[in-house]
N, C-alpha and C. Protein backbone atom coordinates (compact mmCIF):
# COMPACT_ATOMS: atom_id res chain seq x y z
N MET A 1 -29.48 97.54 -97.95
CA MET A 1 -28.09 97.12 -98.07
C MET A 1 -27.76 96.30 -96.82
N SER A 2 -27.18 95.14 -97.01
CA SER A 2 -26.86 94.27 -95.89
C SER A 2 -25.72 94.84 -95.06
N VAL A 3 -25.59 94.36 -93.84
CA VAL A 3 -24.52 94.81 -92.95
C VAL A 3 -23.16 94.48 -93.55
N ARG A 4 -23.03 93.30 -94.14
CA ARG A 4 -21.75 92.90 -94.75
C ARG A 4 -21.40 93.82 -95.91
N SER A 5 -22.38 94.13 -96.76
CA SER A 5 -22.13 95.02 -97.89
C SER A 5 -21.72 96.41 -97.40
N ARG A 6 -22.40 96.87 -96.35
CA ARG A 6 -22.08 98.18 -95.79
C ARG A 6 -20.67 98.19 -95.22
N LYS A 7 -20.29 97.11 -94.51
CA LYS A 7 -18.95 97.02 -93.93
C LYS A 7 -17.89 96.98 -95.04
N THR A 8 -18.14 96.21 -96.08
CA THR A 8 -17.20 96.12 -97.20
C THR A 8 -17.06 97.48 -97.87
N LEU A 9 -18.17 98.15 -98.11
CA LEU A 9 -18.15 99.47 -98.73
C LEU A 9 -17.37 100.45 -97.86
N LEU A 10 -17.67 100.47 -96.57
CA LEU A 10 -16.97 101.39 -95.67
C LEU A 10 -15.48 101.09 -95.59
N THR A 11 -15.12 99.81 -95.59
CA THR A 11 -13.71 99.44 -95.58
C THR A 11 -13.03 99.93 -96.84
N ALA A 12 -13.65 99.71 -97.99
CA ALA A 12 -13.06 100.14 -99.26
C ALA A 12 -12.94 101.66 -99.33
N VAL A 13 -13.97 102.37 -98.87
CA VAL A 13 -13.92 103.83 -98.87
C VAL A 13 -12.82 104.33 -97.94
N ALA A 14 -12.73 103.76 -96.74
CA ALA A 14 -11.70 104.17 -95.80
C ALA A 14 -10.31 103.87 -96.34
N LEU A 15 -10.14 102.71 -96.96
CA LEU A 15 -8.85 102.35 -97.52
C LEU A 15 -8.48 103.29 -98.65
N THR A 16 -9.41 103.58 -99.54
CA THR A 16 -9.15 104.49 -100.65
C THR A 16 -8.83 105.89 -100.14
N ALA A 17 -9.57 106.37 -99.16
CA ALA A 17 -9.30 107.69 -98.59
C ALA A 17 -7.93 107.74 -97.93
N GLY A 18 -7.60 106.69 -97.18
CA GLY A 18 -6.30 106.64 -96.52
C GLY A 18 -5.16 106.60 -97.50
N LEU A 19 -5.31 105.80 -98.56
CA LEU A 19 -4.27 105.73 -99.57
C LEU A 19 -4.14 107.05 -100.33
N SER A 20 -5.26 107.71 -100.58
CA SER A 20 -5.21 109.01 -101.24
C SER A 20 -4.50 110.03 -100.36
N LEU A 21 -4.81 110.03 -99.08
CA LEU A 21 -4.16 110.93 -98.15
C LEU A 21 -2.67 110.63 -98.05
N ALA A 22 -2.32 109.35 -98.03
CA ALA A 22 -0.92 108.96 -97.96
C ALA A 22 -0.16 109.42 -99.20
N ALA A 23 -0.84 109.44 -100.34
CA ALA A 23 -0.19 109.87 -101.57
C ALA A 23 -0.02 111.39 -101.62
N VAL A 24 -0.97 112.13 -101.05
CA VAL A 24 -0.94 113.58 -101.11
C VAL A 24 -0.11 114.19 -99.99
N ALA A 25 -0.10 113.59 -98.81
CA ALA A 25 0.57 114.18 -97.65
C ALA A 25 2.05 114.47 -97.87
N PRO A 26 2.86 113.55 -98.45
CA PRO A 26 4.27 113.88 -98.66
C PRO A 26 4.45 115.08 -99.58
N ALA A 27 3.60 115.20 -100.59
CA ALA A 27 3.72 116.33 -101.51
C ALA A 27 3.40 117.64 -100.81
N LEU A 28 2.41 117.61 -99.93
CA LEU A 28 2.06 118.83 -99.20
C LEU A 28 3.12 119.17 -98.17
N ALA A 29 3.65 118.16 -97.49
CA ALA A 29 4.65 118.39 -96.45
C ALA A 29 5.94 118.93 -97.02
N GLY A 30 6.31 118.48 -98.20
CA GLY A 30 7.59 118.90 -98.76
C GLY A 30 7.43 119.85 -99.92
N ALA A 31 6.38 120.63 -99.93
CA ALA A 31 6.11 121.50 -101.07
C ALA A 31 7.24 122.48 -101.32
N GLY A 32 7.88 123.00 -100.27
CA GLY A 32 8.95 123.96 -100.47
C GLY A 32 10.31 123.31 -100.65
N ALA A 33 10.45 122.05 -100.27
CA ALA A 33 11.76 121.41 -100.27
C ALA A 33 12.16 120.85 -101.63
N HIS A 34 11.23 120.55 -102.49
CA HIS A 34 11.56 119.89 -103.75
C HIS A 34 11.06 120.71 -104.93
N ARG A 35 11.45 121.92 -105.01
CA ARG A 35 11.02 122.77 -106.13
C ARG A 35 11.74 122.36 -107.40
N THR A 36 11.02 122.39 -108.48
CA THR A 36 11.63 122.07 -109.77
C THR A 36 11.94 123.36 -110.49
N ALA A 37 12.59 123.23 -111.63
CA ALA A 37 12.93 124.40 -112.43
C ALA A 37 11.67 125.07 -112.96
N ARG A 38 10.60 124.32 -113.09
CA ARG A 38 9.34 124.88 -113.56
C ARG A 38 8.56 125.39 -112.37
N ALA A 39 8.60 126.67 -112.12
CA ALA A 39 7.89 127.26 -110.99
C ALA A 39 6.39 127.06 -111.18
N GLY A 40 5.73 126.69 -110.10
CA GLY A 40 4.29 126.54 -110.13
C GLY A 40 3.80 125.21 -110.69
N ALA A 41 4.69 124.28 -111.01
CA ALA A 41 4.26 122.98 -111.53
C ALA A 41 3.57 122.21 -110.41
N VAL A 42 2.31 121.90 -110.61
CA VAL A 42 1.52 121.22 -109.59
C VAL A 42 0.86 120.01 -110.23
N SER A 43 0.90 118.89 -109.53
CA SER A 43 0.23 117.69 -110.00
C SER A 43 -1.15 117.64 -109.37
N THR A 44 -2.16 117.48 -110.20
CA THR A 44 -3.52 117.39 -109.69
C THR A 44 -4.20 116.14 -110.23
N VAL A 45 -5.16 115.68 -109.48
CA VAL A 45 -5.98 114.55 -109.89
C VAL A 45 -7.42 114.94 -109.59
N GLN A 46 -8.29 114.63 -110.49
CA GLN A 46 -9.71 114.89 -110.24
C GLN A 46 -10.51 113.70 -110.70
N GLY A 47 -11.73 113.63 -110.30
CA GLY A 47 -12.54 112.49 -110.68
C GLY A 47 -14.00 112.83 -110.76
N ASP A 48 -14.74 111.89 -111.23
CA ASP A 48 -16.19 111.98 -111.35
C ASP A 48 -16.72 110.60 -110.96
N PRO A 49 -17.53 110.50 -109.93
CA PRO A 49 -17.99 109.19 -109.48
C PRO A 49 -18.82 108.43 -110.52
N ARG A 50 -19.21 109.09 -111.59
CA ARG A 50 -19.98 108.42 -112.65
C ARG A 50 -19.09 107.93 -113.79
N ASP A 51 -17.80 108.26 -113.76
CA ASP A 51 -16.87 107.92 -114.83
C ASP A 51 -16.34 106.51 -114.65
N VAL A 52 -16.74 105.60 -115.53
CA VAL A 52 -16.40 104.19 -115.39
C VAL A 52 -14.89 103.97 -115.53
N THR A 53 -14.22 104.70 -116.41
CA THR A 53 -12.78 104.54 -116.57
C THR A 53 -12.05 105.01 -115.32
N ARG A 54 -12.50 106.11 -114.75
CA ARG A 54 -11.90 106.61 -113.51
C ARG A 54 -12.13 105.60 -112.38
N HIS A 55 -13.29 104.96 -112.38
CA HIS A 55 -13.61 103.96 -111.37
C HIS A 55 -12.61 102.79 -111.45
N VAL A 56 -12.31 102.34 -112.65
CA VAL A 56 -11.32 101.27 -112.85
C VAL A 56 -9.94 101.76 -112.40
N ALA A 57 -9.60 103.00 -112.75
CA ALA A 57 -8.30 103.56 -112.35
C ALA A 57 -8.20 103.66 -110.83
N ASP A 58 -9.27 104.08 -110.18
CA ASP A 58 -9.27 104.16 -108.71
C ASP A 58 -9.03 102.78 -108.10
N PHE A 59 -9.71 101.78 -108.66
CA PHE A 59 -9.53 100.42 -108.16
C PHE A 59 -8.08 99.97 -108.31
N TYR A 60 -7.53 100.10 -109.50
CA TYR A 60 -6.16 99.64 -109.72
C TYR A 60 -5.16 100.43 -108.88
N ALA A 61 -5.37 101.72 -108.70
CA ALA A 61 -4.46 102.52 -107.87
C ALA A 61 -4.44 102.00 -106.44
N ALA A 62 -5.62 101.84 -105.86
CA ALA A 62 -5.71 101.38 -104.47
C ALA A 62 -5.26 99.93 -104.34
N TYR A 63 -5.61 99.10 -105.32
CA TYR A 63 -5.26 97.68 -105.27
C TYR A 63 -3.74 97.49 -105.35
N ILE A 64 -3.10 98.17 -106.27
CA ILE A 64 -1.64 98.06 -106.40
C ILE A 64 -0.95 98.58 -105.15
N ASP A 65 -1.44 99.68 -104.59
CA ASP A 65 -0.87 100.18 -103.32
C ASP A 65 -1.00 99.14 -102.22
N SER A 66 -2.14 98.50 -102.16
CA SER A 66 -2.38 97.49 -101.13
C SER A 66 -1.48 96.27 -101.32
N VAL A 67 -1.35 95.79 -102.55
CA VAL A 67 -0.51 94.63 -102.83
C VAL A 67 0.97 94.96 -102.59
N ARG A 68 1.36 96.17 -102.94
CA ARG A 68 2.76 96.58 -102.77
C ARG A 68 3.13 96.67 -101.29
N ALA A 69 2.19 96.93 -100.43
CA ALA A 69 2.46 97.07 -98.99
C ALA A 69 2.43 95.71 -98.31
N ALA A 70 3.16 94.75 -98.84
CA ALA A 70 3.15 93.38 -98.34
C ALA A 70 3.58 93.27 -96.88
N ASP A 71 4.41 94.22 -96.40
CA ASP A 71 4.87 94.18 -95.01
C ASP A 71 3.82 94.71 -94.03
N ASP A 72 2.74 95.28 -94.54
CA ASP A 72 1.67 95.80 -93.70
C ASP A 72 0.65 94.69 -93.48
N PRO A 73 0.39 94.30 -92.21
CA PRO A 73 -0.55 93.19 -91.95
C PRO A 73 -1.97 93.43 -92.48
N SER A 74 -2.36 94.69 -92.64
CA SER A 74 -3.71 94.96 -93.12
C SER A 74 -3.80 94.98 -94.65
N ALA A 75 -2.68 94.87 -95.34
CA ALA A 75 -2.68 94.99 -96.80
C ALA A 75 -3.51 93.90 -97.47
N ALA A 76 -3.35 92.65 -97.03
CA ALA A 76 -4.12 91.56 -97.64
C ALA A 76 -5.61 91.75 -97.44
N ALA A 77 -5.98 92.19 -96.25
CA ALA A 77 -7.40 92.45 -95.99
C ALA A 77 -7.90 93.61 -96.84
N GLY A 78 -7.04 94.61 -97.03
CA GLY A 78 -7.41 95.75 -97.87
C GLY A 78 -7.63 95.33 -99.31
N ALA A 79 -6.73 94.51 -99.85
CA ALA A 79 -6.88 94.03 -101.23
C ALA A 79 -8.17 93.22 -101.38
N LYS A 80 -8.46 92.39 -100.39
CA LYS A 80 -9.69 91.58 -100.44
C LYS A 80 -10.93 92.48 -100.37
N ALA A 81 -10.88 93.51 -99.52
CA ALA A 81 -12.02 94.43 -99.41
C ALA A 81 -12.22 95.20 -100.72
N LEU A 82 -11.13 95.59 -101.36
CA LEU A 82 -11.25 96.29 -102.64
C LEU A 82 -11.86 95.38 -103.70
N ARG A 83 -11.42 94.13 -103.77
CA ARG A 83 -12.02 93.19 -104.71
C ARG A 83 -13.51 93.02 -104.41
N GLY A 84 -13.85 92.95 -103.13
CA GLY A 84 -15.25 92.78 -102.74
C GLY A 84 -16.12 93.96 -103.13
N PHE A 85 -15.56 95.16 -103.09
CA PHE A 85 -16.33 96.35 -103.41
C PHE A 85 -16.41 96.61 -104.91
N TYR A 86 -15.31 96.48 -105.61
CA TYR A 86 -15.25 96.87 -107.02
C TYR A 86 -15.64 95.75 -108.00
N LEU A 87 -15.45 94.49 -107.64
CA LEU A 87 -15.67 93.38 -108.57
C LEU A 87 -17.01 92.70 -108.31
N SER A 88 -17.66 92.29 -109.38
CA SER A 88 -18.90 91.52 -109.25
C SER A 88 -18.56 90.14 -108.68
N ALA A 89 -19.57 89.42 -108.24
CA ALA A 89 -19.36 88.07 -107.69
C ALA A 89 -18.71 87.17 -108.74
N ALA A 90 -19.15 87.27 -109.99
CA ALA A 90 -18.58 86.45 -111.05
C ALA A 90 -17.11 86.79 -111.30
N ALA A 91 -16.78 88.08 -111.28
CA ALA A 91 -15.39 88.50 -111.48
C ALA A 91 -14.52 88.04 -110.31
N ARG A 92 -15.05 88.12 -109.09
CA ARG A 92 -14.29 87.64 -107.92
C ARG A 92 -14.04 86.13 -108.03
N ALA A 93 -15.03 85.39 -108.48
CA ALA A 93 -14.86 83.94 -108.65
C ALA A 93 -13.80 83.64 -109.71
N LYS A 94 -13.80 84.40 -110.79
CA LYS A 94 -12.81 84.21 -111.85
C LYS A 94 -11.40 84.54 -111.35
N VAL A 95 -11.27 85.61 -110.59
CA VAL A 95 -9.98 86.00 -110.01
C VAL A 95 -9.48 84.90 -109.07
N SER A 96 -10.37 84.41 -108.23
CA SER A 96 -10.01 83.36 -107.28
C SER A 96 -9.56 82.08 -107.99
N ALA A 97 -10.29 81.69 -109.03
CA ALA A 97 -9.93 80.49 -109.79
C ALA A 97 -8.56 80.66 -110.46
N TYR A 98 -8.30 81.84 -111.00
CA TYR A 98 -7.00 82.10 -111.63
C TYR A 98 -5.89 81.99 -110.59
N GLN A 99 -6.11 82.57 -109.42
CA GLN A 99 -5.09 82.55 -108.37
C GLN A 99 -4.78 81.13 -107.92
N LYS A 100 -5.80 80.30 -107.79
CA LYS A 100 -5.59 78.91 -107.41
C LYS A 100 -4.85 78.13 -108.50
N ARG A 101 -5.22 78.38 -109.73
CA ARG A 101 -4.65 77.65 -110.87
C ARG A 101 -3.23 78.11 -111.18
N GLN A 102 -2.97 79.41 -111.14
CA GLN A 102 -1.69 79.96 -111.58
C GLN A 102 -0.75 80.36 -110.42
N HIS A 103 -1.25 80.35 -109.19
CA HIS A 103 -0.47 80.79 -108.03
C HIS A 103 0.08 82.20 -108.27
N ALA A 104 -0.78 83.05 -108.79
CA ALA A 104 -0.44 84.44 -109.09
C ALA A 104 -1.68 85.30 -108.85
N ASP A 105 -1.48 86.60 -108.76
CA ASP A 105 -2.58 87.52 -108.53
C ASP A 105 -3.52 87.55 -109.73
N GLY A 106 -4.80 87.36 -109.49
CA GLY A 106 -5.79 87.30 -110.55
C GLY A 106 -6.30 88.64 -111.03
N VAL A 107 -5.91 89.73 -110.39
CA VAL A 107 -6.26 91.07 -110.85
C VAL A 107 -5.13 91.62 -111.72
N LEU A 108 -3.89 91.35 -111.30
CA LEU A 108 -2.72 91.82 -112.04
C LEU A 108 -2.21 90.79 -113.05
N PHE A 109 -2.68 89.55 -112.92
CA PHE A 109 -2.24 88.44 -113.77
C PHE A 109 -0.72 88.28 -113.69
N ALA A 110 -0.20 88.33 -112.47
CA ALA A 110 1.26 88.22 -112.27
C ALA A 110 1.54 87.89 -110.81
N ARG A 111 2.79 87.59 -110.54
CA ARG A 111 3.22 87.30 -109.17
C ARG A 111 3.80 88.52 -108.47
N GLY A 112 4.24 89.51 -109.20
CA GLY A 112 4.86 90.68 -108.61
C GLY A 112 3.92 91.87 -108.56
N VAL A 113 4.53 93.04 -108.41
CA VAL A 113 3.77 94.29 -108.36
C VAL A 113 4.33 95.23 -109.42
N PRO A 114 3.49 95.79 -110.26
CA PRO A 114 3.99 96.70 -111.31
C PRO A 114 4.52 98.01 -110.70
N VAL A 115 5.43 98.65 -111.43
CA VAL A 115 5.97 99.93 -110.96
C VAL A 115 5.15 101.10 -111.51
N LYS A 116 4.42 100.87 -112.59
CA LYS A 116 3.55 101.91 -113.17
C LYS A 116 2.30 101.25 -113.75
N TRP A 117 1.26 102.05 -113.88
CA TRP A 117 0.03 101.58 -114.49
C TRP A 117 -0.67 102.76 -115.13
N LYS A 118 -1.51 102.48 -116.11
CA LYS A 118 -2.38 103.50 -116.69
C LYS A 118 -3.64 102.81 -117.19
N VAL A 119 -4.70 103.58 -117.28
CA VAL A 119 -6.00 103.04 -117.69
C VAL A 119 -6.54 103.92 -118.81
N ALA A 120 -7.04 103.29 -119.87
CA ALA A 120 -7.63 104.01 -120.99
C ALA A 120 -8.96 103.37 -121.37
N HIS A 121 -9.94 104.19 -121.67
CA HIS A 121 -11.23 103.72 -122.18
C HIS A 121 -11.02 103.20 -123.59
N THR A 122 -11.51 101.99 -123.87
CA THR A 122 -11.32 101.43 -125.20
C THR A 122 -12.63 101.17 -125.94
N GLY A 123 -13.75 101.39 -125.29
CA GLY A 123 -15.01 101.22 -125.99
C GLY A 123 -16.17 100.96 -125.04
N SER A 124 -17.38 101.05 -125.59
CA SER A 124 -18.55 100.74 -124.79
C SER A 124 -19.69 100.33 -125.70
N GLY A 125 -20.63 99.62 -125.12
CA GLY A 125 -21.81 99.17 -125.84
C GLY A 125 -22.54 98.12 -125.03
N ALA A 126 -23.82 97.98 -125.28
CA ALA A 126 -24.66 96.99 -124.61
C ALA A 126 -24.60 97.12 -123.09
N GLY A 127 -24.51 98.36 -122.61
CA GLY A 127 -24.53 98.59 -121.17
C GLY A 127 -23.21 98.36 -120.45
N HIS A 128 -22.14 98.14 -121.22
CA HIS A 128 -20.83 97.88 -120.63
C HIS A 128 -19.78 98.80 -121.26
N ALA A 129 -18.70 99.02 -120.52
CA ALA A 129 -17.55 99.76 -121.03
C ALA A 129 -16.32 98.88 -120.85
N THR A 130 -15.38 99.03 -121.77
CA THR A 130 -14.12 98.30 -121.66
C THR A 130 -13.01 99.31 -121.45
N SER A 131 -12.14 98.98 -120.50
CA SER A 131 -10.95 99.79 -120.23
C SER A 131 -9.74 98.89 -120.40
N ARG A 132 -8.66 99.45 -120.90
CA ARG A 132 -7.40 98.72 -121.01
C ARG A 132 -6.47 99.24 -119.91
N VAL A 133 -6.05 98.34 -119.04
CA VAL A 133 -5.10 98.67 -117.99
C VAL A 133 -3.74 98.21 -118.49
N THR A 134 -2.79 99.14 -118.57
CA THR A 134 -1.44 98.83 -119.00
C THR A 134 -0.54 98.84 -117.77
N LEU A 135 0.14 97.74 -117.52
CA LEU A 135 1.00 97.59 -116.35
C LEU A 135 2.45 97.51 -116.80
N THR A 136 3.31 98.29 -116.15
CA THR A 136 4.74 98.28 -116.47
C THR A 136 5.48 97.63 -115.32
N TRP A 137 6.31 96.65 -115.66
CA TRP A 137 7.05 95.84 -114.70
C TRP A 137 8.53 96.14 -114.85
N GLY A 138 9.08 96.93 -113.97
CA GLY A 138 10.49 97.28 -114.02
C GLY A 138 10.72 98.62 -114.68
N HIS A 139 12.00 99.01 -114.69
CA HIS A 139 12.38 100.32 -115.22
C HIS A 139 13.32 100.15 -116.41
N GLY A 140 13.46 101.20 -117.18
CA GLY A 140 14.44 101.22 -118.25
C GLY A 140 13.95 100.58 -119.54
N PRO A 141 14.88 100.40 -120.47
CA PRO A 141 14.51 99.92 -121.80
C PRO A 141 14.03 98.46 -121.83
N HIS A 142 14.32 97.71 -120.79
CA HIS A 142 13.93 96.30 -120.77
C HIS A 142 12.72 96.03 -119.88
N ALA A 143 12.02 97.09 -119.50
CA ALA A 143 10.82 96.93 -118.69
C ALA A 143 9.78 96.15 -119.49
N ARG A 144 9.09 95.26 -118.81
CA ARG A 144 8.05 94.45 -119.44
C ARG A 144 6.71 95.17 -119.27
N VAL A 145 5.89 95.15 -120.30
CA VAL A 145 4.57 95.79 -120.27
C VAL A 145 3.52 94.72 -120.57
N THR A 146 2.49 94.68 -119.72
CA THR A 146 1.38 93.76 -119.93
C THR A 146 0.08 94.55 -119.92
N GLY A 147 -0.98 93.91 -120.34
CA GLY A 147 -2.27 94.58 -120.37
C GLY A 147 -3.39 93.72 -119.82
N VAL A 148 -4.39 94.38 -119.29
CA VAL A 148 -5.59 93.72 -118.79
C VAL A 148 -6.79 94.48 -119.36
N ASP A 149 -7.69 93.78 -120.02
CA ASP A 149 -8.94 94.38 -120.47
C ASP A 149 -9.97 94.18 -119.37
N VAL A 150 -10.58 95.27 -118.97
CA VAL A 150 -11.53 95.27 -117.86
C VAL A 150 -12.90 95.67 -118.38
N LEU A 151 -13.89 94.82 -118.16
CA LEU A 151 -15.26 95.08 -118.57
C LEU A 151 -16.03 95.56 -117.35
N SER A 152 -16.73 96.68 -117.49
CA SER A 152 -17.49 97.26 -116.38
C SER A 152 -18.93 97.50 -116.79
N ASP A 153 -19.83 97.34 -115.84
CA ASP A 153 -21.24 97.63 -116.04
C ASP A 153 -21.42 99.15 -115.97
N LEU A 154 -22.02 99.74 -116.99
CA LEU A 154 -22.17 101.20 -117.02
C LEU A 154 -23.15 101.72 -115.97
N LYS A 155 -24.10 100.92 -115.58
CA LYS A 155 -25.09 101.37 -114.59
C LYS A 155 -24.52 101.32 -113.17
N THR A 156 -23.87 100.23 -112.81
CA THR A 156 -23.37 100.06 -111.44
C THR A 156 -21.88 100.40 -111.30
N LEU A 157 -21.17 100.50 -112.42
CA LEU A 157 -19.72 100.71 -112.48
C LEU A 157 -18.93 99.51 -111.96
N GLU A 158 -19.62 98.44 -111.62
CA GLU A 158 -18.97 97.25 -111.09
C GLU A 158 -18.15 96.58 -112.21
N ILE A 159 -16.95 96.11 -111.86
CA ILE A 159 -16.10 95.38 -112.79
C ILE A 159 -16.67 93.97 -112.90
N THR A 160 -17.05 93.60 -114.12
CA THR A 160 -17.71 92.31 -114.31
C THR A 160 -16.80 91.25 -114.94
N ASP A 161 -15.68 91.67 -115.53
CA ASP A 161 -14.76 90.70 -116.13
C ASP A 161 -13.39 91.32 -116.29
N LEU A 162 -12.36 90.48 -116.19
CA LEU A 162 -10.98 90.87 -116.42
C LEU A 162 -10.34 89.83 -117.31
N GLU A 163 -9.65 90.26 -118.34
CA GLU A 163 -8.98 89.35 -119.27
C GLU A 163 -7.57 89.87 -119.53
N THR A 164 -6.60 89.00 -119.45
CA THR A 164 -5.24 89.40 -119.78
C THR A 164 -5.15 89.61 -121.29
N VAL A 165 -4.40 90.62 -121.69
CA VAL A 165 -4.23 90.92 -123.11
C VAL A 165 -3.08 90.07 -123.61
N ARG A 166 -3.30 89.36 -124.67
CA ARG A 166 -2.25 88.47 -125.22
C ARG A 166 -1.63 89.08 -126.44
C-alpha cells in the first residue's frame, strides 16, 4: 500500500471516528437531561465491515457531516479524503466532471446539504451491489426528496458509480 493510500485511509478513518464520536458524545453527556416518555428508549447503530449497503451509508453519513460543516476549515479536506477513500478513481473523475459542469456537489447532485438521508439495498449481481440513497431537502410537507443510485464493488466495497435518480 502506498504512503498516499495509507494517509488517505488514515484520514478517512480518523474523520469517520471523530464524526461518530461527535454524534454519540452529546447523547451520552445529556442522557439524564432529555428523558422521553418512553423509559429506556435507546438509539443504537451497528455495522458490519463486509456490508456494502452499510459501507455506502457510512460514506454518506460522514460526507454529509463534512459538507454541512462549511464553517470548519478542515471540512473541505475531509470531504475530499472521504471521496478518495470510498470512491474508485473512475467515480471520483465522474464526480469532478459533474461539479465542474453543474457547479454543484457531484456526490449529492445538488448545491445544498440535505437534512435527512437513508440508504437501501436495491439489488446485486455480476460482482456489484446497488444502493438507493434518498436525500430529503427541507422540512415539512413541501420538503423535496431526491435519489442517488450507488453502484459498489462487492469484493472491495468501493463505490464505482453514482447516478442521480430521475
